[in-house]
């Protein structure tokens, strides 16, 4: 375990049980969400490449315009 995580968990251990549970639930949800996102992103690489190819082709064909005309 990293030193930063050790310090964080030591601080969490000082909290009342209800707050520890709430923080633990948040941490687990974040980890699970990140895992789902990573899986979806990895599984969509072919689709993302196809969309990028279409977008580049449209840009090269002059079918796009800047989002901001000038700064």
N, C-alpha and C. Protein backbone atom coordinates (compact mmCIF):
# COMPACT_ATOMS: atom_id res chain seq x y z
N UNK A 1 0.85 -1.17 0.00
CA UNK A 1 0.00 0.00 0.00
C UNK A 1 0.90 1.24 0.00
N UNK A 2 0.49 2.24 -0.75
CA UNK A 2 1.29 3.46 -0.83
C UNK A 2 1.19 4.26 0.47
N UNK A 3 2.16 5.12 0.68
CA UNK A 3 2.19 5.94 1.89
C UNK A 3 1.00 6.90 1.92
N UNK A 4 0.67 7.47 0.80
CA UNK A 4 -0.46 8.40 0.75
C UNK A 4 -1.75 7.70 1.14
N UNK A 5 -1.96 6.49 0.63
CA UNK A 5 -3.17 5.76 0.98
C UNK A 5 -3.17 5.37 2.45
N UNK A 6 -2.02 5.01 2.98
CA UNK A 6 -1.93 4.70 4.41
C UNK A 6 -2.34 5.89 5.26
N UNK A 7 -1.85 7.08 4.91
CA UNK A 7 -2.20 8.29 5.66
C UNK A 7 -3.69 8.58 5.54
N UNK A 8 -4.22 8.46 4.32
CA UNK A 8 -5.64 8.71 4.10
C UNK A 8 -6.50 7.75 4.92
N UNK A 9 -6.14 6.48 4.91
CA UNK A 9 -6.93 5.50 5.66
C UNK A 9 -6.80 5.71 7.17
N UNK A 10 -5.65 6.18 7.63
CA UNK A 10 -5.50 6.49 9.05
C UNK A 10 -6.43 7.63 9.44
N UNK A 11 -6.57 8.62 8.56
CA UNK A 11 -7.49 9.72 8.83
C UNK A 11 -8.95 9.24 8.80
N UNK A 12 -9.27 8.38 7.85
CA UNK A 12 -10.62 7.84 7.75
C UNK A 12 -10.96 7.05 9.01
N UNK A 13 -9.99 6.34 9.57
CA UNK A 13 -10.21 5.53 10.77
C UNK A 13 -10.61 6.39 11.97
N UNK A 14 -10.32 7.67 11.93
CA UNK A 14 -10.68 8.57 13.02
C UNK A 14 -12.13 9.03 12.95
N UNK A 15 -12.76 8.81 11.82
CA UNK A 15 -14.15 9.25 11.62
C UNK A 15 -15.12 8.30 12.30
N UNK A 16 -16.33 8.79 12.61
CA UNK A 16 -17.36 7.90 13.14
C UNK A 16 -17.71 6.82 12.11
N UNK A 17 -18.20 5.67 12.57
CA UNK A 17 -18.49 4.56 11.64
C UNK A 17 -19.40 4.93 10.47
N UNK A 18 -20.40 5.73 10.69
CA UNK A 18 -21.30 6.11 9.60
C UNK A 18 -20.59 6.90 8.51
N UNK A 19 -19.69 7.79 8.92
CA UNK A 19 -18.92 8.56 7.94
C UNK A 19 -17.91 7.67 7.23
N UNK A 20 -17.34 6.72 7.95
CA UNK A 20 -16.43 5.76 7.31
C UNK A 20 -17.16 4.97 6.24
N UNK A 21 -18.38 4.51 6.57
CA UNK A 21 -19.17 3.75 5.60
C UNK A 21 -19.49 4.59 4.37
N UNK A 22 -19.87 5.85 4.60
CA UNK A 22 -20.21 6.73 3.48
C UNK A 22 -19.00 6.96 2.59
N UNK A 23 -17.86 7.22 3.20
CA UNK A 23 -16.64 7.43 2.43
C UNK A 23 -16.22 6.16 1.69
N UNK A 24 -16.34 5.03 2.36
CA UNK A 24 -16.03 3.75 1.71
C UNK A 24 -16.92 3.49 0.51
N UNK A 25 -18.21 3.78 0.66
CA UNK A 25 -19.15 3.59 -0.44
C UNK A 25 -18.80 4.49 -1.62
N UNK A 26 -18.43 5.74 -1.33
CA UNK A 26 -18.03 6.66 -2.40
C UNK A 26 -16.79 6.15 -3.13
N UNK A 27 -15.82 5.70 -2.36
CA UNK A 27 -14.59 5.20 -2.95
C UNK A 27 -14.84 3.98 -3.83
N UNK A 28 -15.64 3.05 -3.33
CA UNK A 28 -15.94 1.85 -4.12
C UNK A 28 -16.71 2.20 -5.39
N UNK A 29 -17.68 3.09 -5.27
CA UNK A 29 -18.45 3.49 -6.46
C UNK A 29 -17.54 4.13 -7.50
N UNK A 30 -16.63 4.97 -7.06
CA UNK A 30 -15.69 5.62 -7.98
C UNK A 30 -14.81 4.59 -8.67
N UNK A 31 -14.33 3.62 -7.92
CA UNK A 31 -13.48 2.58 -8.51
C UNK A 31 -14.26 1.74 -9.51
N UNK A 32 -15.49 1.38 -9.16
CA UNK A 32 -16.31 0.57 -10.07
C UNK A 32 -16.68 1.36 -11.31
N UNK A 33 -17.02 2.64 -11.13
CA UNK A 33 -17.35 3.49 -12.27
C UNK A 33 -16.16 3.61 -13.22
N UNK A 34 -14.98 3.85 -12.64
CA UNK A 34 -13.77 3.95 -13.46
C UNK A 34 -13.51 2.66 -14.22
N UNK A 35 -13.72 1.54 -13.56
CA UNK A 35 -13.53 0.24 -14.21
C UNK A 35 -14.50 0.04 -15.36
N UNK A 36 -15.76 0.42 -15.15
CA UNK A 36 -16.75 0.30 -16.24
C UNK A 36 -16.38 1.22 -17.39
N UNK A 37 -15.98 2.46 -17.08
CA UNK A 37 -15.60 3.42 -18.12
C UNK A 37 -14.42 2.89 -18.92
N UNK A 38 -13.41 2.39 -18.23
CA UNK A 38 -12.22 1.87 -18.91
C UNK A 38 -12.59 0.72 -19.83
N UNK A 39 -13.46 -0.15 -19.35
CA UNK A 39 -13.90 -1.29 -20.18
C UNK A 39 -14.66 -0.84 -21.41
N UNK A 40 -15.57 0.10 -21.23
CA UNK A 40 -16.35 0.60 -22.37
C UNK A 40 -15.44 1.32 -23.37
N UNK A 41 -14.52 2.10 -22.86
CA UNK A 41 -13.61 2.83 -23.74
C UNK A 41 -12.73 1.87 -24.53
N UNK A 42 -12.20 0.86 -23.86
CA UNK A 42 -11.35 -0.12 -24.54
C UNK A 42 -12.13 -0.89 -25.60
N UNK A 43 -13.39 -1.19 -25.30
CA UNK A 43 -14.21 -1.97 -26.23
C UNK A 43 -14.68 -1.14 -27.43
N UNK A 44 -14.58 0.18 -27.34
CA UNK A 44 -15.10 1.02 -28.42
C UNK A 44 -14.02 1.60 -29.33
N UNK A 45 -12.81 1.11 -29.25
CA UNK A 45 -11.72 1.69 -30.03
C UNK A 45 -11.97 1.64 -31.53
N UNK A 46 -12.51 0.56 -32.03
CA UNK A 46 -12.77 0.47 -33.48
C UNK A 46 -13.81 1.50 -33.91
N UNK A 47 -14.87 1.63 -33.12
CA UNK A 47 -15.90 2.61 -33.43
C UNK A 47 -15.35 4.02 -33.37
N UNK A 48 -14.56 4.32 -32.35
CA UNK A 48 -13.97 5.65 -32.23
C UNK A 48 -13.05 5.95 -33.41
N UNK A 49 -12.29 4.96 -33.86
CA UNK A 49 -11.41 5.17 -35.02
C UNK A 49 -12.23 5.45 -36.27
N UNK A 50 -13.32 4.70 -36.45
CA UNK A 50 -14.18 4.92 -37.62
C UNK A 50 -14.78 6.33 -37.59
N UNK A 51 -15.24 6.77 -36.41
CA UNK A 51 -15.80 8.11 -36.30
C UNK A 51 -14.74 9.18 -36.56
N UNK A 52 -13.54 8.96 -36.06
CA UNK A 52 -12.45 9.90 -36.31
C UNK A 52 -12.12 9.97 -37.79
N UNK A 53 -12.10 8.83 -38.46
CA UNK A 53 -11.82 8.81 -39.90
C UNK A 53 -12.87 9.59 -40.68
N UNK A 54 -14.15 9.42 -40.30
CA UNK A 54 -15.23 10.15 -40.96
C UNK A 54 -15.07 11.65 -40.72
N UNK A 55 -14.79 12.02 -39.48
CA UNK A 55 -14.63 13.44 -39.15
C UNK A 55 -13.46 14.05 -39.91
N UNK A 56 -12.35 13.35 -40.00
CA UNK A 56 -11.20 13.87 -40.75
C UNK A 56 -11.51 13.99 -42.23
N UNK A 57 -12.21 13.03 -42.78
CA UNK A 57 -12.57 13.09 -44.19
C UNK A 57 -13.49 14.29 -44.46
N UNK A 58 -14.45 14.53 -43.57
CA UNK A 58 -15.34 15.68 -43.73
C UNK A 58 -14.55 16.99 -43.61
N UNK A 59 -13.60 17.02 -42.70
CA UNK A 59 -12.78 18.23 -42.54
C UNK A 59 -11.96 18.49 -43.80
N UNK A 60 -11.33 17.44 -44.30
CA UNK A 60 -10.51 17.58 -45.53
C UNK A 60 -11.35 17.99 -46.73
N UNK A 61 -12.64 17.58 -46.73
CA UNK A 61 -13.53 17.93 -47.83
C UNK A 61 -14.15 19.31 -47.66
N UNK A 62 -13.76 20.03 -46.59
CA UNK A 62 -14.27 21.37 -46.38
C UNK A 62 -15.68 21.42 -45.82
N UNK A 63 -16.14 20.33 -45.23
CA UNK A 63 -17.50 20.26 -44.71
C UNK A 63 -17.61 20.64 -43.23
N UNK A 64 -16.54 21.16 -42.66
CA UNK A 64 -16.56 21.53 -41.24
C UNK A 64 -16.31 23.02 -41.10
N UNK A 65 -16.62 23.55 -39.93
CA UNK A 65 -16.33 24.94 -39.63
C UNK A 65 -15.84 25.03 -38.20
N UNK A 66 -15.06 26.04 -37.90
CA UNK A 66 -14.53 26.19 -36.53
C UNK A 66 -15.66 26.38 -35.52
N UNK A 67 -15.46 25.87 -34.32
CA UNK A 67 -16.44 26.09 -33.27
C UNK A 67 -16.44 27.55 -32.84
N UNK A 68 -15.26 28.16 -32.84
CA UNK A 68 -15.11 29.56 -32.48
C UNK A 68 -14.47 30.26 -33.67
N UNK A 69 -15.14 31.26 -34.20
CA UNK A 69 -14.61 31.94 -35.39
C UNK A 69 -13.31 32.68 -35.09
N UNK A 70 -13.25 33.35 -33.98
CA UNK A 70 -12.03 34.05 -33.62
C UNK A 70 -11.96 34.21 -32.12
N UNK A 71 -10.74 34.35 -31.60
CA UNK A 71 -10.58 34.54 -30.16
C UNK A 71 -10.21 35.95 -29.84
